[in-house]
Amino acid sequence: MEHPTHTEIIFADSKEEAEEKYKALNIKPDHDSNPRIVALKVLEEEDFDINSDINLIGEVSVGPPIMEKIRTNPEKAYVVYYMEKKE
């Protein structure tokens, strides 16, 4: 089973750019030597509500402090995280 880890908000012009910026952070996975990177543009998520303090984006829930960050530039905001398998 996979689990999300190391969630970051990345501002980018494309999914590919968001993934590259995430990789540049050199975040080490917890358990999986080859985790999947998931990058989701917040405004493309079906149930995303910019006015809500809590949203579910992909496999992660974001709360008030993260929503404040997203609101600074929602058009470029991506939620990026690893999906790790426990080995």
PDB file of N, CA and C in Angstrom:
ATOM      1  N   MET A   1       0.838  -1.178   0.000  1.00  0.00           N
ATOM      2  CA  MET A   1       0.000   0.000   0.000  1.00  0.00           C
ATOM      3  C   MET A   1       0.887   1.246   0.000  1.00  0.00           C
ATOM      4  N   GLU A   2       0.472   2.253  -0.734  1.00  0.00           N
ATOM      5  CA  GLU A   2       1.227   3.498  -0.805  1.00  0.00           C
ATOM      6  C   GLU A   2       0.646   4.539   0.152  1.00  0.00           C
ATOM      7  N   HIS A   3       1.523   5.419   0.635  1.00  0.00           N
ATOM      8  CA  HIS A   3       1.124   6.496   1.531  1.00  0.00           C
ATOM      9  C   HIS A   3       1.804   7.785   1.097  1.00  0.00           C
ATOM     10  N   PRO A   4       1.096   8.926   1.196  1.00  0.00           N
ATOM     11  CA  PRO A   4       1.723  10.197   0.841  1.00  0.00           C
ATOM     12  C   PRO A   4       2.700  10.652   1.929  1.00  0.00           C
ATOM     13  N   THR A   5       3.829  11.200   1.508  1.00  0.00           N
ATOM     14  CA  THR A   5       4.813  11.744   2.442  1.00  0.00           C
ATOM     15  C   THR A   5       5.420  13.014   1.849  1.00  0.00           C
ATOM     16  N   HIS A   6       5.950  13.842   2.709  1.00  0.00           N
ATOM     17  CA  HIS A   6       6.736  15.027   2.326  1.00  0.00           C
ATOM     18  C   HIS A   6       5.991  15.957   1.375  1.00  0.00           C
ATOM     19  N   THR A   7       4.822  16.387   1.798  1.00  0.00           N
ATOM     20  CA  THR A   7       4.000  17.290   0.996  1.00  0.00           C
ATOM     21  C   THR A   7       4.577  18.702   0.998  1.00  0.00           C
ATOM     22  N   GLU A   8       4.604  19.296  -0.184  1.00  0.00           N
ATOM     23  CA  GLU A   8       5.064  20.675  -0.350  1.00  0.00           C
ATOM     24  C   GLU A   8       4.101  21.414  -1.274  1.00  0.00           C
ATOM     25  N   ILE A   9       3.982  22.728  -1.073  1.00  0.00           N
ATOM     26  CA  ILE A   9       3.270  23.583  -2.017  1.00  0.00           C
ATOM     27  C   ILE A   9       4.340  24.185  -2.919  1.00  0.00           C
ATOM     28  N   ILE A  10       4.198  23.965  -4.208  1.00  0.00           N
ATOM     29  CA  ILE A  10       5.155  24.457  -5.197  1.00  0.00           C
ATOM     30  C   ILE A  10       4.402  25.362  -6.171  1.00  0.00           C
ATOM     31  N   PHE A  11       4.966  26.523  -6.444  1.00  0.00           N
ATOM     32  CA  PHE A  11       4.374  27.424  -7.424  1.00  0.00           C
ATOM     33  C   PHE A  11       5.120  27.245  -8.741  1.00  0.00           C
ATOM     34  N   ALA A  12       4.358  26.904  -9.799  1.00  0.00           N
ATOM     35  CA  ALA A  12       4.973  26.595 -11.087  1.00  0.00           C
ATOM     36  C   ALA A  12       3.977  26.854 -12.206  1.00  0.00           C
ATOM     37  N   ASP A  13       4.499  26.885 -13.431  1.00  0.00           N
ATOM     38  CA  ASP A  13       3.663  27.091 -14.607  1.00  0.00           C
ATOM     39  C   ASP A  13       3.143  25.789 -15.203  1.00  0.00           C
ATOM     40  N   SER A  14       3.704  24.656 -14.783  1.00  0.00           N
ATOM     41  CA  SER A  14       3.266  23.363 -15.306  1.00  0.00           C
ATOM     42  C   SER A  14       3.535  22.268 -14.278  1.00  0.00           C
ATOM     43  N   LYS A  15       2.895  21.134 -14.489  1.00  0.00           N
ATOM     44  CA  LYS A  15       3.114  19.977 -13.627  1.00  0.00           C
ATOM     45  C   LYS A  15       4.577  19.558 -13.665  1.00  0.00           C
ATOM     46  N   GLU A  16       5.160  19.564 -14.862  1.00  0.00           N
ATOM     47  CA  GLU A  16       6.560  19.152 -15.016  1.00  0.00           C
ATOM     48  C   GLU A  16       7.491  20.091 -14.245  1.00  0.00           C
ATOM     49  N   GLU A  17       7.219  21.382 -14.326  1.00  0.00           N
ATOM     50  CA  GLU A  17       8.033  22.346 -13.586  1.00  0.00           C
ATOM     51  C   GLU A  17       7.883  22.136 -12.080  1.00  0.00           C
ATOM     52  N   ALA A  18       6.659  21.881 -11.621  1.00  0.00           N
ATOM     53  CA  ALA A  18       6.424  21.627 -10.194  1.00  0.00           C
ATOM     54  C   ALA A  18       7.209  20.402  -9.730  1.00  0.00           C
ATOM     55  N   GLU A  19       7.199  19.331 -10.532  1.00  0.00           N
ATOM     56  CA  GLU A  19       7.945  18.121 -10.180  1.00  0.00           C
ATOM     57  C   GLU A  19       9.444  18.400 -10.132  1.00  0.00           C
ATOM     58  N   GLU A  20       9.957  19.162 -11.087  1.00  0.00           N
ATOM     59  CA  GLU A  20      11.394  19.477 -11.103  1.00  0.00           C
ATOM     60  C   GLU A  20      11.786  20.321  -9.892  1.00  0.00           C
ATOM     61  N   LYS A  21      10.949  21.284  -9.530  1.00  0.00           N
ATOM     62  CA  LYS A  21      11.227  22.109  -8.349  1.00  0.00           C
ATOM     63  C   LYS A  21      11.207  21.255  -7.080  1.00  0.00           C
ATOM     64  N   TYR A  22      10.286  20.291  -7.027  1.00  0.00           N
ATOM     65  CA  TYR A  22      10.207  19.391  -5.879  1.00  0.00           C
ATOM     66  C   TYR A  22      11.481  18.548  -5.785  1.00  0.00           C
ATOM     67  N   LYS A  23      11.908  17.994  -6.917  1.00  0.00           N
ATOM     68  CA  LYS A  23      13.134  17.188  -6.940  1.00  0.00           C
ATOM     69  C   LYS A  23      14.340  18.018  -6.501  1.00  0.00           C
ATOM     70  N   ALA A  24      14.356  19.292  -6.879  1.00  0.00           N
ATOM     71  CA  ALA A  24      15.470  20.178  -6.526  1.00  0.00           C
ATOM     72  C   ALA A  24      15.561  20.419  -5.019  1.00  0.00           C
ATOM     73  N   LEU A  25      14.487  20.159  -4.287  1.00  0.00           N
ATOM     74  CA  LEU A  25      14.511  20.301  -2.826  1.00  0.00           C
ATOM     75  C   LEU A  25      15.317  19.189  -2.158  1.00  0.00           C
ATOM     76  N   ASN A  26      15.634  18.132  -2.918  1.00  0.00           N
ATOM     77  CA  ASN A  26      16.418  16.992  -2.424  1.00  0.00           C
ATOM     78  C   ASN A  26      15.820  16.364  -1.164  1.00  0.00           C
ATOM     79  N   ILE A  27      14.508  16.225  -1.168  1.00  0.00           N
ATOM     80  CA  ILE A  27      13.823  15.582  -0.048  1.00  0.00           C
ATOM     81  C   ILE A  27      14.025  14.082  -0.162  1.00  0.00           C
ATOM     82  N   LYS A  28      14.471  13.471   0.902  1.00  0.00           N
ATOM     83  CA  LYS A  28      14.700  12.028   0.911  1.00  0.00           C
ATOM     84  C   LYS A  28      13.419  11.309   1.333  1.00  0.00           C
ATOM     85  N   PRO A  29      13.024  10.276   0.591  1.00  0.00           N
ATOM     86  CA  PRO A  29      11.848   9.501   0.989  1.00  0.00           C
ATOM     87  C   PRO A  29      12.089   8.778   2.316  1.00  0.00           C
ATOM     88  N   ASP A  30      11.007   8.439   2.985  1.00  0.00           N
ATOM     89  CA  ASP A  30      11.102   7.760   4.275  1.00  0.00           C
ATOM     90  C   ASP A  30      11.402   6.269   4.136  1.00  0.00           C
ATOM     91  N   HIS A  31      10.703   5.593   3.215  1.00  0.00           N
ATOM     92  CA  HIS A  31      10.766   4.128   3.155  1.00  0.00           C
ATOM     93  C   HIS A  31      11.050   3.560   1.773  1.00  0.00           C
ATOM     94  N   ASP A  32      10.681   4.288   0.744  1.00  0.00           N
ATOM     95  CA  ASP A  32      10.668   3.762  -0.618  1.00  0.00           C
ATOM     96  C   ASP A  32      11.874   4.315  -1.385  1.00  0.00           C
ATOM     97  N   SER A  33      12.678   3.449  -1.953  1.00  0.00           N
ATOM     98  CA  SER A  33      13.856   3.907  -2.685  1.00  0.00           C
ATOM     99  C   SER A  33      13.502   4.509  -4.051  1.00  0.00           C
ATOM    100  N   ASN A  34      12.278   4.281  -4.517  1.00  0.00           N
ATOM    101  CA  ASN A  34      11.851   4.813  -5.804  1.00  0.00           C
ATOM    102  C   ASN A  34      10.376   5.251  -5.732  1.00  0.00           C
ATOM    103  N   PRO A  35      10.092   6.296  -4.933  1.00  0.00           N
ATOM    104  CA  PRO A  35       8.689   6.708  -4.771  1.00  0.00           C
ATOM    105  C   PRO A  35       8.156   7.413  -6.008  1.00  0.00           C
ATOM    106  N   ARG A  36       6.853   7.373  -6.146  1.00  0.00           N
ATOM    107  CA  ARG A  36       6.174   8.143  -7.191  1.00  0.00           C
ATOM    108  C   ARG A  36       6.026   9.579  -6.705  1.00  0.00           C
ATOM    109  N   ILE A  37       6.218  10.536  -7.600  1.00  0.00           N
ATOM    110  CA  ILE A  37       5.942  11.932  -7.263  1.00  0.00           C
ATOM    111  C   ILE A  37       4.577  12.281  -7.838  1.00  0.00           C
ATOM    112  N   VAL A  38       3.733  12.861  -7.003  1.00  0.00           N
ATOM    113  CA  VAL A  38       2.412  13.295  -7.421  1.00  0.00           C
ATOM    114  C   VAL A  38       2.409  14.822  -7.370  1.00  0.00           C
ATOM    115  N   ALA A  39       1.994  15.458  -8.463  1.00  0.00           N
ATOM    116  CA  ALA A  39       1.877  16.915  -8.524  1.00  0.00           C
ATOM    117  C   ALA A  39       0.483  17.254  -9.029  1.00  0.00           C
ATOM    118  N   LEU A  40      -0.290  17.936  -8.186  1.00  0.00           N
ATOM    119  CA  LEU A  40      -1.671  18.260  -8.528  1.00  0.00           C
ATOM    120  C   LEU A  40      -1.883  19.765  -8.477  1.00  0.00           C
ATOM    121  N   LYS A  41      -2.389  20.316  -9.568  1.00  0.00           N
ATOM    122  CA  LYS A  41      -2.705  21.739  -9.607  1.00  0.00           C
ATOM    123  C   LYS A  41      -3.990  21.940  -8.815  1.00  0.00           C
ATOM    124  N   VAL A  42      -3.930  22.780  -7.800  1.00  0.00           N
ATOM    125  CA  VAL A  42      -5.064  22.877  -6.875  1.00  0.00           C
ATOM    126  C   VAL A  42      -6.348  23.317  -7.567  1.00  0.00           C
ATOM    127  N   LEU A  43      -6.269  24.242  -8.502  1.00  0.00           N
ATOM    128  CA  LEU A  43      -7.486  24.734  -9.153  1.00  0.00           C
ATOM    129  C   LEU A  43      -8.111  23.713 -10.094  1.00  0.00           C
ATOM    130  N   GLU A  44      -7.399  22.627 -10.387  1.00  0.00           N
ATOM    131  CA  GLU A  44      -7.956  21.583 -11.245  1.00  0.00           C
ATOM    132  C   GLU A  44      -8.601  20.451 -10.448  1.00  0.00           C
ATOM    133  N   GLU A  45      -8.482  20.509  -9.118  1.00  0.00           N
ATOM    134  CA  GLU A  45      -9.106  19.489  -8.287  1.00  0.00           C
ATOM    135  C   GLU A  45     -10.612  19.751  -8.216  1.00  0.00           C
ATOM    136  N   GLU A  46     -11.391  18.710  -8.443  1.00  0.00           N
ATOM    137  CA  GLU A  46     -12.839  18.830  -8.583  1.00  0.00           C
ATOM    138  C   GLU A  46     -13.529  19.520  -7.402  1.00  0.00           C
ATOM    139  N   ASP A  47     -13.208  19.128  -6.197  1.00  0.00           N
ATOM    140  CA  ASP A  47     -13.907  19.660  -5.024  1.00  0.00           C
ATOM    141  C   ASP A  47     -13.133  20.761  -4.307  1.00  0.00           C
ATOM    142  N   PHE A  48     -12.085  21.287  -4.925  1.00  0.00           N
ATOM    143  CA  PHE A  48     -11.286  22.320  -4.285  1.00  0.00           C
ATOM    144  C   PHE A  48     -12.108  23.598  -4.123  1.00  0.00           C
ATOM    145  N   ASP A  49     -12.066  24.159  -2.909  1.00  0.00           N
ATOM    146  CA  ASP A  49     -12.782  25.394  -2.594  1.00  0.00           C
ATOM    147  C   ASP A  49     -11.774  26.399  -2.057  1.00  0.00           C
ATOM    148  N   ILE A  50     -11.452  27.400  -2.843  1.00  0.00           N
ATOM    149  CA  ILE A  50     -10.448  28.394  -2.476  1.00  0.00           C
ATOM    150  C   ILE A  50     -10.820  29.127  -1.188  1.00  0.00           C
ATOM    151  N   ASN A  51     -12.111  29.201  -0.866  1.00  0.00           N
ATOM    152  CA  ASN A  51     -12.561  29.919   0.322  1.00  0.00           C
ATOM    153  C   ASN A  51     -12.607  29.056   1.578  1.00  0.00           C
ATOM    154  N   SER A  52     -12.417  27.759   1.421  1.00  0.00           N
ATOM    155  CA  SER A  52     -12.435  26.850   2.569  1.00  0.00           C
ATOM    156  C   SER A  52     -11.062  26.838   3.241  1.00  0.00           C
ATOM    157  N   ASP A  53     -11.055  26.630   4.548  1.00  0.00           N
ATOM    158  CA  ASP A  53      -9.790  26.527   5.275  1.00  0.00           C
ATOM    159  C   ASP A  53      -9.189  25.137   5.204  1.00  0.00           C
ATOM    160  N   ILE A  54      -9.980  24.150   4.764  1.00  0.00           N
ATOM    161  CA  ILE A  54      -9.504  22.768   4.672  1.00  0.00           C
ATOM    162  C   ILE A  54      -9.943  22.199   3.324  1.00  0.00           C
ATOM    163  N   ASN A  55      -9.018  21.550   2.630  1.00  0.00           N
ATOM    164  CA  ASN A  55      -9.323  20.905   1.356  1.00  0.00           C
ATOM    165  C   ASN A  55      -8.594  19.575   1.280  1.00  0.00           C
ATOM    166  N   LEU A  56      -9.189  18.639   0.579  1.00  0.00           N
ATOM    167  CA  LEU A  56      -8.535  17.382   0.257  1.00  0.00           C
ATOM    168  C   LEU A  56      -8.038  17.506  -1.176  1.00  0.00           C
ATOM    169  N   ILE A  57      -6.719  17.371  -1.335  1.00  0.00           N
ATOM    170  CA  ILE A  57      -6.104  17.475  -2.659  1.00  0.00           C
ATOM    171  C   ILE A  57      -5.351  16.182  -2.891  1.00  0.00           C
ATOM    172  N   GLY A  58      -5.869  15.372  -3.802  1.00  0.00           N
ATOM    173  CA  GLY A  58      -5.282  14.058  -4.012  1.00  0.00           C
ATOM    174  C   GLY A  58      -5.428  13.244  -2.744  1.00  0.00           C
ATOM    175  N   GLU A  59      -4.310  12.781  -2.216  1.00  0.00           N
ATOM    176  CA  GLU A  59      -4.302  11.934  -1.021  1.00  0.00           C
ATOM    177  C   GLU A  59      -4.005  12.712   0.270  1.00  0.00           C
ATOM    178  N   VAL A  60      -3.883  14.038   0.166  1.00  0.00           N
ATOM    179  CA  VAL A  60      -3.523  14.807   1.360  1.00  0.00           C
ATOM    180  C   VAL A  60      -4.565  15.869   1.674  1.00  0.00           C
ATOM    181  N   SER A  61      -4.708  16.128   2.950  1.00  0.00           N
ATOM    182  CA  SER A  61      -5.582  17.174   3.435  1.00  0.00           C
ATOM    183  C   SER A  61      -4.717  18.388   3.755  1.00  0.00           C
ATOM    184  N   VAL A  62      -5.162  19.557   3.306  1.00  0.00           N
ATOM    185  CA  VAL A  62      -4.430  20.783   3.618  1.00  0.00           C
ATOM    186  C   VAL A  62      -5.294  21.649   4.515  1.00  0.00           C
ATOM    187  N   GLY A  63      -4.656  22.217   5.536  1.00  0.00           N
ATOM    188  CA  GLY A  63      -5.358  23.016   6.515  1.00  0.00           C
ATOM    189  C   GLY A  63      -5.120  24.504   6.339  1.00  0.00           C
ATOM    190  N   PRO A  64      -5.558  25.300   7.325  1.00  0.00           N
ATOM    191  CA  PRO A  64      -5.507  26.756   7.219  1.00  0.00           C
ATOM    192  C   PRO A  64      -4.152  27.358   6.851  1.00  0.00           C
ATOM    193  N   PRO A  65      -3.026  26.966   7.482  1.00  0.00           N
ATOM    194  CA  PRO A  65      -1.766  27.612   7.099  1.00  0.00           C
ATOM    195  C   PRO A  65      -1.370  27.334   5.643  1.00  0.00           C
ATOM    196  N   ILE A  66      -1.661  26.136   5.169  1.00  0.00           N
ATOM    197  CA  ILE A  66      -1.339  25.778   3.786  1.00  0.00           C
ATOM    198  C   ILE A  66      -2.282  26.495   2.823  1.00  0.00           C
ATOM    199  N   MET A  67      -3.554  26.591   3.195  1.00  0.00           N
ATOM    200  CA  MET A  67      -4.502  27.309   2.343  1.00  0.00           C
ATOM    201  C   MET A  67      -4.120  28.779   2.226  1.00  0.00           C
ATOM    202  N   GLU A  68      -3.601  29.369   3.280  1.00  0.00           N
ATOM    203  CA  GLU A  68      -3.136  30.755   3.197  1.00  0.00           C
ATOM    204  C   GLU A  68      -2.034  30.882   2.162  1.00  0.00           C
ATOM    205  N   LYS A  69      -1.105  29.935   2.164  1.00  0.00           N
ATOM    206  CA  LYS A  69      -0.018  29.946   1.186  1.00  0.00           C
ATOM    207  C   LYS A  69      -0.562  29.764  -0.225  1.00  0.00           C
ATOM    208  N   ILE A  70      -1.486  28.824  -0.414  1.00  0.00           N
ATOM    209  CA  ILE A  70      -2.085  28.573  -1.725  1.00  0.00           C
ATOM    210  C   ILE A  70      -2.783  29.826  -2.243  1.00  0.00           C
ATOM    211  N   ARG A  71      -3.477  30.530  -1.365  1.00  0.00           N
ATOM    212  CA  ARG A  71      -4.226  31.720  -1.779  1.00  0.00           C
ATOM    213  C   ARG A  71      -3.325  32.852  -2.273  1.00  0.00           C
ATOM    214  N   THR A  72      -2.033  32.809  -1.972  1.00  0.00           N
ATOM    215  CA  THR A  72      -1.137  33.862  -2.456  1.00  0.00           C
ATOM    216  C   THR A  72      -0.970  33.802  -3.973  1.00  0.00           C
ATOM    217  N   ASN A  73      -1.154  32.619  -4.582  1.00  0.00           N
ATOM    218  CA  ASN A  73      -1.026  32.479  -6.030  1.00  0.00           C
ATOM    219  C   ASN A  73      -1.695  31.168  -6.479  1.00  0.00           C
ATOM    220  N   PRO A  74      -3.016  31.086  -6.340  1.00  0.00           N
ATOM    221  CA  PRO A  74      -3.695  29.810  -6.629  1.00  0.00           C
ATOM    222  C   PRO A  74      -3.539  29.336  -8.067  1.00  0.00           C
ATOM    223  N   GLU A  75      -3.357  30.243  -9.011  1.00  0.00           N
ATOM    224  CA  GLU A  75      -3.226  29.857 -10.416  1.00  0.00           C
ATOM    225  C   GLU A  75      -1.964  29.039 -10.665  1.00  0.00           C
ATOM    226  N   LYS A  76      -0.958  29.192  -9.817  1.00  0.00           N
ATOM    227  CA  LYS A  76       0.311  28.468 -10.006  1.00  0.00           C
ATOM    228  C   LYS A  76       0.574  27.447  -8.901  1.00  0.00           C
ATOM    229  N   ALA A  77      -0.359  27.276  -7.988  1.00  0.00           N
ATOM    230  CA  ALA A  77      -0.138  26.397  -6.837  1.00  0.00           C
ATOM    231  C   ALA A  77      -0.353  24.922  -7.180  1.00  0.00           C
ATOM    232  N   TYR A  78       0.655  24.129  -6.848  1.00  0.00           N
ATOM    233  CA  TYR A  78       0.599  22.669  -6.969  1.00  0.00           C
ATOM    234  C   TYR A  78       0.866  22.070  -5.598  1.00  0.00           C
ATOM    235  N   VAL A  79       0.137  21.027  -5.289  1.00  0.00           N
ATOM    236  CA  VAL A  79       0.441  20.215  -4.109  1.00  0.00           C
ATOM    237  C   VAL A  79       1.266  19.048  -4.634  1.00  0.00           C
ATOM    238  N   VAL A  80       2.479  18.907  -4.103  1.00  0.00           N
ATOM    239  CA  VAL A  80       3.400  17.879  -4.594  1.00  0.00           C
ATOM    240  C   VAL A  80       3.842  17.029  -3.410  1.00  0.00           C
ATOM    241  N   TYR A  81       3.848  15.711  -3.614  1.00  0.00           N
ATOM    242  CA  TYR A  81       4.249  14.794  -2.549  1.00  0.00           C
ATOM    243  C   TYR A  81       4.720  13.486  -3.141  1.00  0.00           C
ATOM    244  N   TYR A  82       5.392  12.719  -2.299  1.00  0.00           N
ATOM    245  CA  TYR A  82       5.771  11.347  -2.652  1.00  0.00           C
ATOM    246  C   TYR A  82       4.627  10.413  -2.313  1.00  0.00           C
ATOM    247  N   MET A  83       4.437   9.389  -3.139  1.00  0.00           N
ATOM    248  CA  MET A  83       3.610   8.240  -2.771  1.00  0.00           C
ATOM    249  C   MET A  83       4.594   7.104  -2.552  1.00  0.00           C
ATOM    250  N   GLU A  84       4.744   6.719  -1.292  1.00  0.00           N
ATOM    251  CA  GLU A  84       5.751   5.715  -0.924  1.00  0.00           C
ATOM    252  C   GLU A  84       5.116   4.378  -0.557  1.00  0.00           C
ATOM    253  N   LYS A  85       5.801   3.330  -0.960  1.00  0.00           N
ATOM    254  CA  LYS A  85       5.472   1.972  -0.503  1.00  0.00           C
ATOM    255  C   LYS A  85       6.395   1.670   0.658  1.00  0.00           C
ATOM    256  N   LYS A  86       5.859   1.045   1.680  1.00  0.00           N
ATOM    257  CA  LYS A  86       6.729   0.600   2.781  1.00  0.00           C
ATOM    258  C   LYS A  86       7.411  -0.675   2.353  1.00  0.00           C
ATOM    259  N   GLU A  87       8.734  -0.649   2.393  1.00  0.00           N
ATOM    260  CA  GLU A  87       9.501  -1.833   1.977  1.00  0.00           C
ATOM    261  C   GLU A  87       9.753  -2.762   3.133  1.00  0.00           C
TER     262      GLU A  87
END
